Amino acid sequence: MPAAQSASPVLAASAVLEPRRRAIAQAIERVREVERSRGVNPGALDAIKEIMLELAAQRELFPQEDFPPAGEGSKTYPIYRLAEDDDHRYALYMSTAGAGKKVPPHDHTTWAVIVGVQGDEENFFYEREDDGSVPGKGRLREIGREVVRPGTGVTLMPEDIHHIQVIGGQATLHLHVYGLALEQLTGRVVYNVDDGTYKAMNIPPNIREAR
């Protein structure tokens, strides 16, 4: 009996692998069509968000055991790649995070849509107050907040700036889809709000291939 119990998470994970791949492939094809037909603008991203919310609502396809969080005491959390075109477009990830995780204000340099599968993540949105004429200097002003949780999502144009923090005690699983894969986003910057400065943002070191 103990052996069967320990094996059950693996069986559950393998049982949803193919249905998950099919659902993801269908969703990404719909995302491609939205961008092809409507371009990149807030309305198009809202349409992509609706597609991703439909995917995220199939929570049985995204069991926690398929996306294990970082080990205890770790300050980084895995980002699991679920899909990416050969030309690195239309990259889909499952982002994991533990309670209290924060990421300072940053941009993406490509469009992004984030929807919730599990847990609550508060997003803070900013705009630049300066004219960008001084390299390394960037004053930000907060312009809004929104919590991403199951059934909700946010959209970001390439130039939009946000920071995130996990609220509540539950670890998060959120789907992130980008117009271009994370490893290709070499021009991103991260801001220090207190100092009014920015610097290059490192590519996440913890990207893993989903099972």
N, C-alpha and C. Protein backbone atom coordinates (compact mmCIF):
# COMPACT_ATOMS: atom_id res chain seq x y z
N MET A 1 0.81 -1.22 0.00
CA MET A 1 0.00 0.00 0.00
C MET A 1 0.85 1.27 0.00
N PRO A 2 1.88 1.40 0.87
CA PRO A 2 2.71 2.61 0.83
C PRO A 2 3.31 2.86 -0.55
N ALA A 3 3.78 1.81 -1.24
CA ALA A 3 4.40 2.01 -2.55
C ALA A 3 3.38 2.56 -3.54
N ALA A 4 2.15 2.04 -3.49
CA ALA A 4 1.12 2.53 -4.42
C ALA A 4 0.79 3.98 -4.14
N GLN A 5 0.74 4.37 -2.86
CA GLN A 5 0.43 5.75 -2.51
C GLN A 5 1.51 6.69 -3.00
N SER A 6 2.76 6.33 -2.87
CA SER A 6 3.84 7.22 -3.29
C SER A 6 3.89 7.36 -4.80
N ALA A 7 3.40 6.33 -5.53
CA ALA A 7 3.45 6.39 -6.98
C ALA A 7 2.29 7.16 -7.58
N SER A 8 1.20 7.36 -6.83
CA SER A 8 -0.01 7.95 -7.42
C SER A 8 0.19 9.34 -7.98
N PRO A 9 0.98 10.26 -7.38
CA PRO A 9 1.16 11.56 -8.01
C PRO A 9 1.77 11.46 -9.40
N VAL A 10 2.71 10.53 -9.59
CA VAL A 10 3.33 10.37 -10.90
C VAL A 10 2.30 9.89 -11.90
N LEU A 11 1.46 8.94 -11.51
CA LEU A 11 0.43 8.44 -12.41
C LEU A 11 -0.55 9.55 -12.79
N ALA A 12 -0.94 10.37 -11.80
CA ALA A 12 -1.86 11.47 -12.08
C ALA A 12 -1.24 12.47 -13.04
N ALA A 13 0.03 12.76 -12.85
CA ALA A 13 0.70 13.72 -13.72
C ALA A 13 0.77 13.19 -15.14
N SER A 14 1.15 11.92 -15.32
CA SER A 14 1.28 11.37 -16.66
C SER A 14 -0.07 11.26 -17.35
N ALA A 15 -1.13 11.09 -16.56
CA ALA A 15 -2.46 10.94 -17.13
C ALA A 15 -2.94 12.21 -17.83
N VAL A 16 -2.45 13.37 -17.40
CA VAL A 16 -2.94 14.63 -17.99
C VAL A 16 -1.96 15.21 -19.01
N LEU A 17 -0.83 14.56 -19.22
CA LEU A 17 0.20 15.15 -20.08
C LEU A 17 -0.32 15.37 -21.50
N GLU A 18 -0.87 14.35 -22.12
CA GLU A 18 -1.33 14.49 -23.50
C GLU A 18 -2.54 15.41 -23.62
N PRO A 19 -3.56 15.29 -22.75
CA PRO A 19 -4.65 16.25 -22.82
C PRO A 19 -4.18 17.70 -22.62
N ARG A 20 -3.21 17.88 -21.75
CA ARG A 20 -2.68 19.24 -21.53
C ARG A 20 -1.99 19.75 -22.78
N ARG A 21 -1.18 18.91 -23.41
CA ARG A 21 -0.50 19.34 -24.62
C ARG A 21 -1.48 19.71 -25.72
N ARG A 22 -2.55 18.93 -25.85
CA ARG A 22 -3.56 19.24 -26.87
C ARG A 22 -4.25 20.57 -26.57
N ALA A 23 -4.64 20.76 -25.32
CA ALA A 23 -5.32 22.00 -24.95
C ALA A 23 -4.42 23.21 -25.15
N ILE A 24 -3.14 23.06 -24.81
CA ILE A 24 -2.19 24.16 -25.00
C ILE A 24 -2.00 24.45 -26.48
N ALA A 25 -1.85 23.42 -27.29
CA ALA A 25 -1.65 23.63 -28.73
C ALA A 25 -2.84 24.36 -29.34
N GLN A 26 -4.05 23.99 -28.94
CA GLN A 26 -5.24 24.66 -29.45
C GLN A 26 -5.29 26.11 -29.01
N ALA A 27 -4.95 26.36 -27.74
CA ALA A 27 -4.98 27.73 -27.23
C ALA A 27 -3.95 28.60 -27.92
N ILE A 28 -2.73 28.09 -28.11
CA ILE A 28 -1.68 28.88 -28.74
C ILE A 28 -2.01 29.17 -30.19
N GLU A 29 -2.64 28.24 -30.89
CA GLU A 29 -3.05 28.52 -32.26
C GLU A 29 -4.06 29.66 -32.29
N ARG A 30 -4.97 29.69 -31.35
CA ARG A 30 -5.93 30.79 -31.27
C ARG A 30 -5.23 32.11 -30.96
N VAL A 31 -4.22 32.05 -30.09
CA VAL A 31 -3.44 33.26 -29.77
C VAL A 31 -2.73 33.78 -31.02
N ARG A 32 -2.11 32.88 -31.77
CA ARG A 32 -1.44 33.28 -33.01
C ARG A 32 -2.42 34.00 -33.94
N GLU A 33 -3.61 33.45 -34.07
CA GLU A 33 -4.59 34.02 -34.99
C GLU A 33 -5.03 35.41 -34.53
N VAL A 34 -5.17 35.60 -33.23
CA VAL A 34 -5.52 36.93 -32.71
C VAL A 34 -4.45 37.94 -33.09
N GLU A 35 -3.19 37.59 -32.86
CA GLU A 35 -2.13 38.55 -33.18
C GLU A 35 -2.04 38.78 -34.69
N ARG A 36 -2.19 37.71 -35.49
CA ARG A 36 -2.14 37.86 -36.94
C ARG A 36 -3.24 38.78 -37.45
N SER A 37 -4.42 38.64 -36.91
CA SER A 37 -5.56 39.38 -37.44
C SER A 37 -5.74 40.75 -36.81
N ARG A 38 -5.27 40.93 -35.56
CA ARG A 38 -5.55 42.18 -34.84
C ARG A 38 -4.31 42.95 -34.44
N GLY A 39 -3.14 42.34 -34.57
CA GLY A 39 -1.93 43.03 -34.19
C GLY A 39 -1.71 42.98 -32.68
N VAL A 40 -0.86 43.90 -32.20
CA VAL A 40 -0.55 43.99 -30.77
C VAL A 40 -1.10 45.32 -30.26
N ASN A 41 -2.16 45.25 -29.51
CA ASN A 41 -2.80 46.42 -28.93
C ASN A 41 -3.61 45.95 -27.74
N PRO A 42 -4.08 46.86 -26.88
CA PRO A 42 -4.82 46.42 -25.69
C PRO A 42 -6.03 45.54 -25.99
N GLY A 43 -6.77 45.85 -27.06
CA GLY A 43 -7.93 45.03 -27.40
C GLY A 43 -7.54 43.62 -27.77
N ALA A 44 -6.48 43.47 -28.56
CA ALA A 44 -6.02 42.14 -28.94
C ALA A 44 -5.54 41.36 -27.72
N LEU A 45 -4.85 42.05 -26.80
CA LEU A 45 -4.38 41.35 -25.60
C LEU A 45 -5.54 40.93 -24.71
N ASP A 46 -6.61 41.71 -24.68
CA ASP A 46 -7.79 41.29 -23.94
C ASP A 46 -8.37 40.01 -24.53
N ALA A 47 -8.37 39.90 -25.86
CA ALA A 47 -8.86 38.68 -26.51
C ALA A 47 -7.96 37.50 -26.17
N ILE A 48 -6.65 37.72 -26.15
CA ILE A 48 -5.72 36.66 -25.76
C ILE A 48 -5.94 36.26 -24.31
N LYS A 49 -6.21 37.25 -23.46
CA LYS A 49 -6.47 36.93 -22.05
C LYS A 49 -7.67 36.00 -21.92
N GLU A 50 -8.73 36.22 -22.69
CA GLU A 50 -9.90 35.35 -22.61
C GLU A 50 -9.56 33.91 -23.01
N ILE A 51 -8.71 33.77 -24.02
CA ILE A 51 -8.26 32.43 -24.43
C ILE A 51 -7.50 31.76 -23.30
N MET A 52 -6.61 32.52 -22.67
CA MET A 52 -5.80 31.95 -21.61
C MET A 52 -6.63 31.65 -20.36
N LEU A 53 -7.65 32.45 -20.09
CA LEU A 53 -8.53 32.16 -18.96
C LEU A 53 -9.28 30.85 -19.19
N GLU A 54 -9.68 30.59 -20.43
CA GLU A 54 -10.34 29.32 -20.74
C GLU A 54 -9.39 28.16 -20.50
N LEU A 55 -8.13 28.33 -20.88
CA LEU A 55 -7.14 27.27 -20.66
C LEU A 55 -6.90 27.07 -19.17
N ALA A 56 -6.71 28.15 -18.44
CA ALA A 56 -6.43 28.06 -17.00
C ALA A 56 -7.59 27.46 -16.23
N ALA A 57 -8.81 27.64 -16.74
CA ALA A 57 -9.98 27.09 -16.04
C ALA A 57 -9.98 25.57 -16.05
N GLN A 58 -9.22 24.95 -16.94
CA GLN A 58 -9.11 23.48 -16.96
C GLN A 58 -8.05 23.06 -15.93
N ARG A 59 -8.35 23.32 -14.69
CA ARG A 59 -7.35 23.17 -13.63
C ARG A 59 -6.87 21.74 -13.48
N GLU A 60 -7.70 20.77 -13.91
CA GLU A 60 -7.28 19.37 -13.82
C GLU A 60 -6.08 19.08 -14.71
N LEU A 61 -5.82 19.95 -15.68
CA LEU A 61 -4.66 19.77 -16.56
C LEU A 61 -3.36 20.29 -15.95
N PHE A 62 -3.48 20.99 -14.82
CA PHE A 62 -2.30 21.63 -14.24
C PHE A 62 -2.16 21.28 -12.75
N PRO A 63 -2.00 19.99 -12.45
CA PRO A 63 -1.86 19.60 -11.04
C PRO A 63 -0.56 20.11 -10.45
N GLN A 64 -0.61 20.44 -9.18
CA GLN A 64 0.55 20.99 -8.50
C GLN A 64 1.77 20.07 -8.64
N GLU A 65 1.56 18.76 -8.61
CA GLU A 65 2.71 17.86 -8.64
C GLU A 65 3.48 17.91 -9.96
N ASP A 66 2.86 18.42 -11.01
CA ASP A 66 3.57 18.57 -12.28
C ASP A 66 4.47 19.80 -12.29
N PHE A 67 4.29 20.69 -11.32
CA PHE A 67 5.03 21.95 -11.29
C PHE A 67 5.55 22.20 -9.88
N PRO A 68 6.44 21.32 -9.42
CA PRO A 68 6.90 21.43 -8.02
C PRO A 68 7.62 22.75 -7.79
N PRO A 69 7.37 23.37 -6.64
CA PRO A 69 8.03 24.63 -6.31
C PRO A 69 9.48 24.41 -5.92
N ALA A 70 10.17 25.49 -5.65
CA ALA A 70 11.57 25.40 -5.22
C ALA A 70 11.65 24.71 -3.87
N GLY A 71 12.83 24.20 -3.57
CA GLY A 71 13.05 23.57 -2.28
C GLY A 71 12.97 24.56 -1.14
N GLU A 72 12.77 24.07 0.04
CA GLU A 72 12.64 24.93 1.21
C GLU A 72 13.90 25.78 1.38
N GLY A 73 13.71 27.06 1.62
CA GLY A 73 14.82 27.97 1.82
C GLY A 73 15.35 28.60 0.53
N SER A 74 14.89 28.13 -0.62
CA SER A 74 15.35 28.69 -1.88
C SER A 74 14.70 30.05 -2.13
N LYS A 75 15.44 30.97 -2.75
CA LYS A 75 14.92 32.29 -3.07
C LYS A 75 14.50 32.39 -4.53
N THR A 76 14.60 31.31 -5.27
CA THR A 76 14.14 31.30 -6.66
C THR A 76 13.06 30.24 -6.82
N TYR A 77 12.21 30.46 -7.80
CA TYR A 77 11.10 29.55 -8.04
C TYR A 77 11.11 29.16 -9.51
N PRO A 78 10.86 27.89 -9.81
CA PRO A 78 10.93 27.43 -11.20
C PRO A 78 9.87 28.08 -12.08
N ILE A 79 10.24 28.29 -13.33
CA ILE A 79 9.33 28.70 -14.39
C ILE A 79 9.34 27.57 -15.40
N TYR A 80 8.19 26.91 -15.60
CA TYR A 80 8.12 25.73 -16.45
C TYR A 80 7.63 26.10 -17.84
N ARG A 81 8.46 25.80 -18.84
CA ARG A 81 8.07 26.08 -20.22
C ARG A 81 7.07 25.03 -20.70
N LEU A 82 5.92 25.51 -21.19
CA LEU A 82 4.88 24.63 -21.70
C LEU A 82 4.80 24.63 -23.22
N ALA A 83 5.21 25.72 -23.85
CA ALA A 83 5.15 25.81 -25.31
C ALA A 83 6.04 26.94 -25.77
N GLU A 84 6.57 26.79 -26.99
CA GLU A 84 7.37 27.85 -27.62
C GLU A 84 7.56 27.48 -29.08
N ASP A 85 7.28 28.41 -29.98
CA ASP A 85 7.47 28.15 -31.40
C ASP A 85 8.96 28.04 -31.73
N ASP A 86 9.26 27.48 -32.90
CA ASP A 86 10.65 27.31 -33.31
C ASP A 86 11.38 28.65 -33.42
N ASP A 87 10.65 29.71 -33.74
CA ASP A 87 11.27 31.03 -33.85
C ASP A 87 11.20 31.80 -32.54
N HIS A 88 10.89 31.08 -31.44
CA HIS A 88 10.84 31.62 -30.07
C HIS A 88 9.64 32.52 -29.81
N ARG A 89 8.67 32.53 -30.73
CA ARG A 89 7.45 33.30 -30.50
C ARG A 89 6.46 32.48 -29.67
N TYR A 90 5.46 33.17 -29.16
CA TYR A 90 4.32 32.54 -28.47
C TYR A 90 4.78 31.53 -27.41
N ALA A 91 5.53 32.03 -26.46
CA ALA A 91 6.07 31.19 -25.40
C ALA A 91 5.11 31.18 -24.21
N LEU A 92 4.79 29.98 -23.74
CA LEU A 92 3.87 29.80 -22.62
C LEU A 92 4.60 29.13 -21.47
N TYR A 93 4.41 29.67 -20.28
CA TYR A 93 5.08 29.15 -19.09
C TYR A 93 4.08 29.00 -17.96
N MET A 94 4.40 28.07 -17.04
CA MET A 94 3.75 28.03 -15.74
C MET A 94 4.75 28.59 -14.74
N SER A 95 4.40 29.72 -14.18
CA SER A 95 5.27 30.38 -13.20
C SER A 95 4.83 29.98 -11.80
N THR A 96 5.79 29.55 -10.99
CA THR A 96 5.52 29.16 -9.61
C THR A 96 6.08 30.21 -8.66
N ALA A 97 5.46 30.32 -7.50
CA ALA A 97 5.96 31.27 -6.50
C ALA A 97 5.44 30.87 -5.13
N GLY A 98 6.23 31.18 -4.11
CA GLY A 98 5.82 30.91 -2.74
C GLY A 98 5.28 32.17 -2.09
N ALA A 99 4.65 31.99 -0.95
CA ALA A 99 4.08 33.11 -0.22
C ALA A 99 5.15 34.17 0.06
N GLY A 100 4.82 35.42 -0.24
CA GLY A 100 5.73 36.52 0.04
C GLY A 100 6.70 36.86 -1.07
N LYS A 101 6.74 36.05 -2.15
CA LYS A 101 7.66 36.36 -3.24
C LYS A 101 7.35 37.72 -3.84
N LYS A 102 8.39 38.50 -4.15
CA LYS A 102 8.24 39.80 -4.78
C LYS A 102 9.20 39.90 -5.96
N VAL A 103 8.77 40.57 -7.00
CA VAL A 103 9.64 40.92 -8.12
C VAL A 103 9.51 42.43 -8.32
N PRO A 104 10.62 43.19 -8.28
CA PRO A 104 10.52 44.64 -8.38
C PRO A 104 10.01 45.09 -9.74
N PRO A 105 9.68 46.37 -9.88
CA PRO A 105 9.13 46.87 -11.14
C PRO A 105 10.03 46.58 -12.32
N HIS A 106 9.41 46.14 -13.43
CA HIS A 106 10.17 45.77 -14.61
C HIS A 106 9.27 45.87 -15.83
N ASP A 107 9.89 45.92 -17.00
CA ASP A 107 9.14 45.86 -18.25
C ASP A 107 9.35 44.48 -18.87
N HIS A 108 8.82 44.28 -20.09
CA HIS A 108 8.95 42.98 -20.75
C HIS A 108 9.53 43.08 -22.16
N THR A 109 9.38 44.20 -22.81
CA THR A 109 9.83 44.46 -24.20
C THR A 109 9.08 43.61 -25.22
N THR A 110 8.10 42.86 -24.78
CA THR A 110 7.19 42.12 -25.65
C THR A 110 5.84 42.10 -24.95
N TRP A 111 4.78 41.76 -25.66
CA TRP A 111 3.48 41.70 -24.99
C TRP A 111 3.43 40.49 -24.06
N ALA A 112 2.62 40.60 -23.03
CA ALA A 112 2.50 39.53 -22.04
C ALA A 112 1.07 39.46 -21.52
N VAL A 113 0.63 38.25 -21.23
CA VAL A 113 -0.67 38.01 -20.61
C VAL A 113 -0.46 37.01 -19.48
N ILE A 114 -0.99 37.32 -18.31
CA ILE A 114 -0.82 36.48 -17.12
C ILE A 114 -2.19 36.15 -16.56
N VAL A 115 -2.45 34.87 -16.32
CA VAL A 115 -3.73 34.45 -15.74
C VAL A 115 -3.48 33.48 -14.60
N GLY A 116 -4.42 33.46 -13.66
CA GLY A 116 -4.25 32.65 -12.47
C GLY A 116 -4.77 31.23 -12.61
N VAL A 117 -4.03 30.30 -12.05
CA VAL A 117 -4.47 28.91 -11.91
C VAL A 117 -4.67 28.58 -10.43
N GLN A 118 -3.75 29.09 -9.60
CA GLN A 118 -3.80 28.82 -8.16
C GLN A 118 -3.13 29.98 -7.43
N GLY A 119 -3.71 30.42 -6.34
CA GLY A 119 -3.09 31.43 -5.49
C GLY A 119 -3.31 32.85 -5.99
N ASP A 120 -2.92 33.81 -5.12
CA ASP A 120 -3.16 35.24 -5.38
C ASP A 120 -1.84 35.99 -5.52
N GLU A 121 -1.77 36.79 -6.57
CA GLU A 121 -0.57 37.59 -6.84
C GLU A 121 -1.01 39.03 -7.14
N GLU A 122 -0.55 39.98 -6.33
CA GLU A 122 -0.93 41.37 -6.54
C GLU A 122 0.04 42.03 -7.53
N ASN A 123 -0.53 42.69 -8.51
CA ASN A 123 0.23 43.42 -9.52
C ASN A 123 0.11 44.92 -9.27
N PHE A 124 1.24 45.61 -9.30
CA PHE A 124 1.28 47.06 -9.18
C PHE A 124 1.75 47.61 -10.53
N PHE A 125 1.02 48.55 -11.09
CA PHE A 125 1.34 49.08 -12.41
C PHE A 125 1.88 50.51 -12.29
N TYR A 126 2.84 50.82 -13.17
CA TYR A 126 3.53 52.12 -13.10
C TYR A 126 3.62 52.76 -14.48
N GLU A 127 3.86 54.07 -14.47
CA GLU A 127 4.27 54.77 -15.66
C GLU A 127 5.48 55.63 -15.34
N ARG A 128 6.29 55.90 -16.36
CA ARG A 128 7.48 56.74 -16.19
C ARG A 128 7.08 58.19 -16.00
N GLU A 129 7.70 58.86 -15.04
CA GLU A 129 7.49 60.29 -14.84
C GLU A 129 8.55 61.13 -15.54
N ASP A 130 9.71 60.54 -15.80
CA ASP A 130 10.78 61.27 -16.47
C ASP A 130 10.68 61.05 -17.97
N ASP A 131 11.52 61.77 -18.73
CA ASP A 131 11.45 61.66 -20.19
C ASP A 131 12.41 60.62 -20.76
N GLY A 132 13.12 59.90 -19.89
CA GLY A 132 14.02 58.85 -20.35
C GLY A 132 15.30 59.34 -20.98
N SER A 133 15.62 60.61 -20.79
CA SER A 133 16.79 61.18 -21.45
C SER A 133 18.10 60.89 -20.72
N VAL A 134 18.02 60.46 -19.46
CA VAL A 134 19.23 60.19 -18.68
C VAL A 134 19.36 58.68 -18.50
N PRO A 135 20.37 58.05 -19.11
CA PRO A 135 20.53 56.61 -18.97
C PRO A 135 20.66 56.19 -17.51
N GLY A 136 19.95 55.14 -17.15
CA GLY A 136 20.02 54.62 -15.79
C GLY A 136 19.10 55.31 -14.80
N LYS A 137 18.45 56.39 -15.22
CA LYS A 137 17.53 57.11 -14.35
C LYS A 137 16.11 56.89 -14.84
N GLY A 138 15.21 56.57 -13.91
CA GLY A 138 13.82 56.35 -14.28
C GLY A 138 12.90 56.49 -13.08
N ARG A 139 12.15 57.58 -13.04
CA ARG A 139 11.21 57.78 -11.94
C ARG A 139 9.85 57.20 -12.31
N LEU A 140 9.28 56.45 -11.39
CA LEU A 140 8.02 55.77 -11.64
C LEU A 140 6.91 56.33 -10.76
N ARG A 141 5.69 56.29 -11.29
CA ARG A 141 4.50 56.66 -10.54
C ARG A 141 3.50 55.51 -10.64
N GLU A 142 3.00 55.05 -9.48
CA GLU A 142 2.02 53.97 -9.48
C GLU A 142 0.70 54.45 -10.07
N ILE A 143 0.11 53.65 -10.95
CA ILE A 143 -1.14 54.04 -11.60
C ILE A 143 -2.26 53.03 -11.40
N GLY A 144 -1.98 51.93 -10.72
CA GLY A 144 -3.05 50.96 -10.50
C GLY A 144 -2.55 49.67 -9.89
N ARG A 145 -3.52 48.89 -9.40
CA ARG A 145 -3.22 47.58 -8.80
C ARG A 145 -4.31 46.60 -9.21
N GLU A 146 -3.93 45.34 -9.31
CA GLU A 146 -4.91 44.30 -9.60
C GLU A 146 -4.36 42.96 -9.11
N VAL A 147 -5.22 42.16 -8.52
CA VAL A 147 -4.83 40.84 -8.02
C VAL A 147 -5.15 39.80 -9.08
N VAL A 148 -4.15 39.00 -9.45
CA VAL A 148 -4.36 37.86 -10.35
C VAL A 148 -4.59 36.63 -9.49
N ARG A 149 -5.73 36.00 -9.73
CA ARG A 149 -6.12 34.77 -9.03
C ARG A 149 -6.92 33.93 -10.02
N PRO A 150 -7.29 32.70 -9.67
CA PRO A 150 -8.07 31.90 -10.61
C PRO A 150 -9.29 32.67 -11.12
N GLY A 151 -9.45 32.67 -12.45
CA GLY A 151 -10.56 33.37 -13.07
C GLY A 151 -10.26 34.80 -13.48
N THR A 152 -9.06 35.29 -13.18
CA THR A 152 -8.68 36.66 -13.54
C THR A 152 -7.31 36.68 -14.20
N GLY A 153 -6.98 37.79 -14.82
CA GLY A 153 -5.68 37.94 -15.47
C GLY A 153 -5.39 39.40 -15.76
N VAL A 154 -4.16 39.66 -16.20
CA VAL A 154 -3.74 41.00 -16.58
C VAL A 154 -3.02 40.94 -17.92
N THR A 155 -3.00 42.06 -18.62
CA THR A 155 -2.31 42.17 -19.90
C THR A 155 -1.28 43.28 -19.81
N LEU A 156 -0.18 43.11 -20.54
CA LEU A 156 0.89 44.10 -20.54
C LEU A 156 1.40 44.30 -21.96
N MET A 157 1.40 45.56 -22.39
CA MET A 157 2.03 45.91 -23.64
C MET A 157 3.55 45.90 -23.45
N PRO A 158 4.33 45.88 -24.52
CA PRO A 158 5.78 45.75 -24.37
C PRO A 158 6.42 46.79 -23.45
N GLU A 159 5.89 48.01 -23.45
CA GLU A 159 6.49 49.08 -22.66
C GLU A 159 5.92 49.19 -21.25
N ASP A 160 4.87 48.42 -20.93
CA ASP A 160 4.24 48.53 -19.62
C ASP A 160 5.17 48.04 -18.52
N ILE A 161 5.00 48.61 -17.33
CA ILE A 161 5.85 48.33 -16.18
C ILE A 161 4.97 47.84 -15.03
N HIS A 162 5.38 46.76 -14.40
CA HIS A 162 4.65 46.31 -13.21
C HIS A 162 5.60 45.64 -12.24
N HIS A 163 5.15 45.52 -10.99
CA HIS A 163 5.85 44.63 -10.06
C HIS A 163 4.81 43.76 -9.39
N ILE A 164 5.26 42.61 -8.89
CA ILE A 164 4.33 41.62 -8.36
C ILE A 164 4.77 41.18 -6.97
N GLN A 165 3.77 40.75 -6.20
CA GLN A 165 4.06 40.10 -4.92
C GLN A 165 2.94 39.12 -4.61
N VAL A 166 3.34 37.96 -4.10
CA VAL A 166 2.37 36.93 -3.75
C VAL A 166 1.76 37.28 -2.40
N ILE A 167 0.44 37.27 -2.35
CA ILE A 167 -0.27 37.57 -1.10
C ILE A 167 -1.05 36.34 -0.67
N GLY A 168 -1.35 36.28 0.63
CA GLY A 168 -2.00 35.08 1.16
C GLY A 168 -0.97 34.00 1.38
N GLY A 169 -1.40 32.90 1.92
CA GLY A 169 -0.46 31.85 2.30
C GLY A 169 -0.26 30.76 1.28
N GLN A 170 -0.97 30.83 0.15
CA GLN A 170 -0.91 29.73 -0.82
C GLN A 170 0.12 30.00 -1.90
N ALA A 171 0.90 28.99 -2.25
CA ALA A 171 1.81 29.10 -3.39
C ALA A 171 1.01 29.32 -4.66
N THR A 172 1.60 30.03 -5.62
CA THR A 172 0.88 30.35 -6.84
C THR A 172 1.35 29.51 -8.02
N LEU A 173 0.40 29.24 -8.90
CA LEU A 173 0.65 28.70 -10.23
C LEU A 173 -0.07 29.63 -11.19
N HIS A 174 0.69 30.33 -12.05
CA HIS A 174 0.08 31.26 -13.00
C HIS A 174 0.64 31.00 -14.39
N LEU A 175 -0.25 31.04 -15.36
CA LEU A 175 0.16 30.91 -16.76
C LEU A 175 0.60 32.26 -17.29
N HIS A 176 1.79 32.29 -17.91
CA HIS A 176 2.33 33.50 -18.55
C HIS A 176 2.53 33.17 -20.03
N VAL A 177 1.96 33.97 -20.90
CA VAL A 177 2.23 33.82 -22.33
C VAL A 177 2.84 35.12 -22.83
N TYR A 178 3.91 34.99 -23.61
CA TYR A 178 4.68 36.12 -24.11
C TYR A 178 4.77 36.07 -25.63
N GLY A 179 4.87 37.24 -26.23
CA GLY A 179 5.08 37.31 -27.66
C GLY A 179 6.43 36.77 -28.08
N LEU A 180 7.38 36.73 -27.15
CA LEU A 180 8.73 36.23 -27.41
C LEU A 180 9.24 35.57 -26.14
N ALA A 181 10.01 34.49 -26.30
CA ALA A 181 10.46 33.70 -25.15
C ALA A 181 11.37 34.50 -24.23
N LEU A 182 11.36 34.13 -22.97
CA LEU A 182 12.11 34.86 -21.94
C LEU A 182 13.60 34.97 -22.25
N GLU A 183 14.17 33.89 -22.77
CA GLU A 183 15.62 33.93 -23.03
C GLU A 183 15.99 34.94 -24.11
N GLN A 184 15.02 35.36 -24.91
CA GLN A 184 15.28 36.31 -25.99
C GLN A 184 15.11 37.77 -25.54
N LEU A 185 14.64 37.98 -24.34
CA LEU A 185 14.30 39.33 -23.88
C LEU A 185 15.50 39.97 -23.19
N THR A 186 16.50 40.30 -23.99
CA THR A 186 17.76 40.80 -23.43
C THR A 186 17.73 42.30 -23.13
N GLY A 187 16.68 43.00 -23.54
CA GLY A 187 16.64 44.45 -23.33
C GLY A 187 15.79 44.89 -22.16
N ARG A 188 15.34 43.96 -21.35
CA ARG A 188 14.48 44.31 -20.22
C ARG A 188 15.24 45.08 -19.15
N VAL A 189 14.51 45.91 -18.41
CA VAL A 189 15.11 46.65 -17.30
C VAL A 189 14.27 46.48 -16.05
N VAL A 190 14.92 46.62 -14.90
CA VAL A 190 14.26 46.55 -13.60
C VAL A 190 14.55 47.84 -12.86
N TYR A 191 13.54 48.35 -12.17
CA TYR A 191 13.62 49.67 -11.56
C TYR A 191 13.78 49.60 -10.05
N ASN A 192 14.48 50.60 -9.51
CA ASN A 192 14.53 50.85 -8.07
C ASN A 192 13.70 52.11 -7.83
N VAL A 193 12.50 51.93 -7.30
CA VAL A 193 11.59 53.06 -7.13
C VAL A 193 12.15 54.08 -6.16
N ASP A 194 12.76 53.63 -5.08
CA ASP A 194 13.27 54.56 -4.07
C ASP A 194 14.39 55.43 -4.62
N ASP A 195 15.26 54.86 -5.42
CA ASP A 195 16.41 55.60 -5.95
C ASP A 195 16.11 56.30 -7.26
N GLY A 196 15.01 55.94 -7.92
CA GLY A 196 14.72 56.52 -9.23
C GLY A 196 15.72 56.08 -10.29
N THR A 197 16.12 54.80 -10.22
CA THR A 197 17.11 54.28 -11.17
C THR A 197 16.60 53.00 -11.80
N TYR A 198 17.30 52.55 -12.85
CA TYR A 198 17.00 51.25 -13.45
C TYR A 198 18.30 50.63 -13.94
N LYS A 199 18.25 49.30 -14.16
CA LYS A 199 19.40 48.57 -14.68
C LYS A 199 18.88 47.41 -15.51
N ALA A 200 19.78 46.77 -16.23
CA ALA A 200 19.39 45.62 -17.03
C ALA A 200 18.85 44.51 -16.14
N MET A 201 17.80 43.84 -16.62
CA MET A 201 17.20 42.75 -15.88
C MET A 201 17.76 41.42 -16.39
N ASN A 202 18.20 40.60 -15.47
CA ASN A 202 18.77 39.31 -15.85
C ASN A 202 17.69 38.37 -16.38
N ILE A 203 18.07 37.52 -17.30
CA ILE A 203 17.17 36.47 -17.76
C ILE A 203 17.00 35.47 -16.62
N PRO A 204 15.78 35.05 -16.33
CA PRO A 204 15.56 34.10 -15.23
C PRO A 204 16.42 32.86 -15.38
N PRO A 205 17.15 32.47 -14.32
CA PRO A 205 18.03 31.31 -14.40
C PRO A 205 17.32 29.98 -14.15
N ASN A 206 16.04 30.05 -13.83
CA ASN A 206 15.34 28.88 -13.30
C ASN A 206 14.25 28.38 -14.26
N ILE A 207 14.45 28.55 -15.57
CA ILE A 207 13.48 28.06 -16.54
C ILE A 207 13.70 26.56 -16.74
N ARG A 208 12.65 25.80 -16.62
CA ARG A 208 12.71 24.35 -16.78
C ARG A 208 11.71 23.91 -17.82
N GLU A 209 11.95 22.76 -18.41
CA GLU A 209 10.99 22.20 -19.36
C GLU A 209 9.92 21.43 -18.58
N ALA A 210 8.67 21.71 -18.88
CA ALA A 210 7.58 21.00 -18.20
C ALA A 210 7.58 19.53 -18.62
N ARG A 211 7.15 18.68 -17.74
CA ARG A 211 7.08 17.25 -18.04
C ARG A 211 5.92 16.96 -18.98
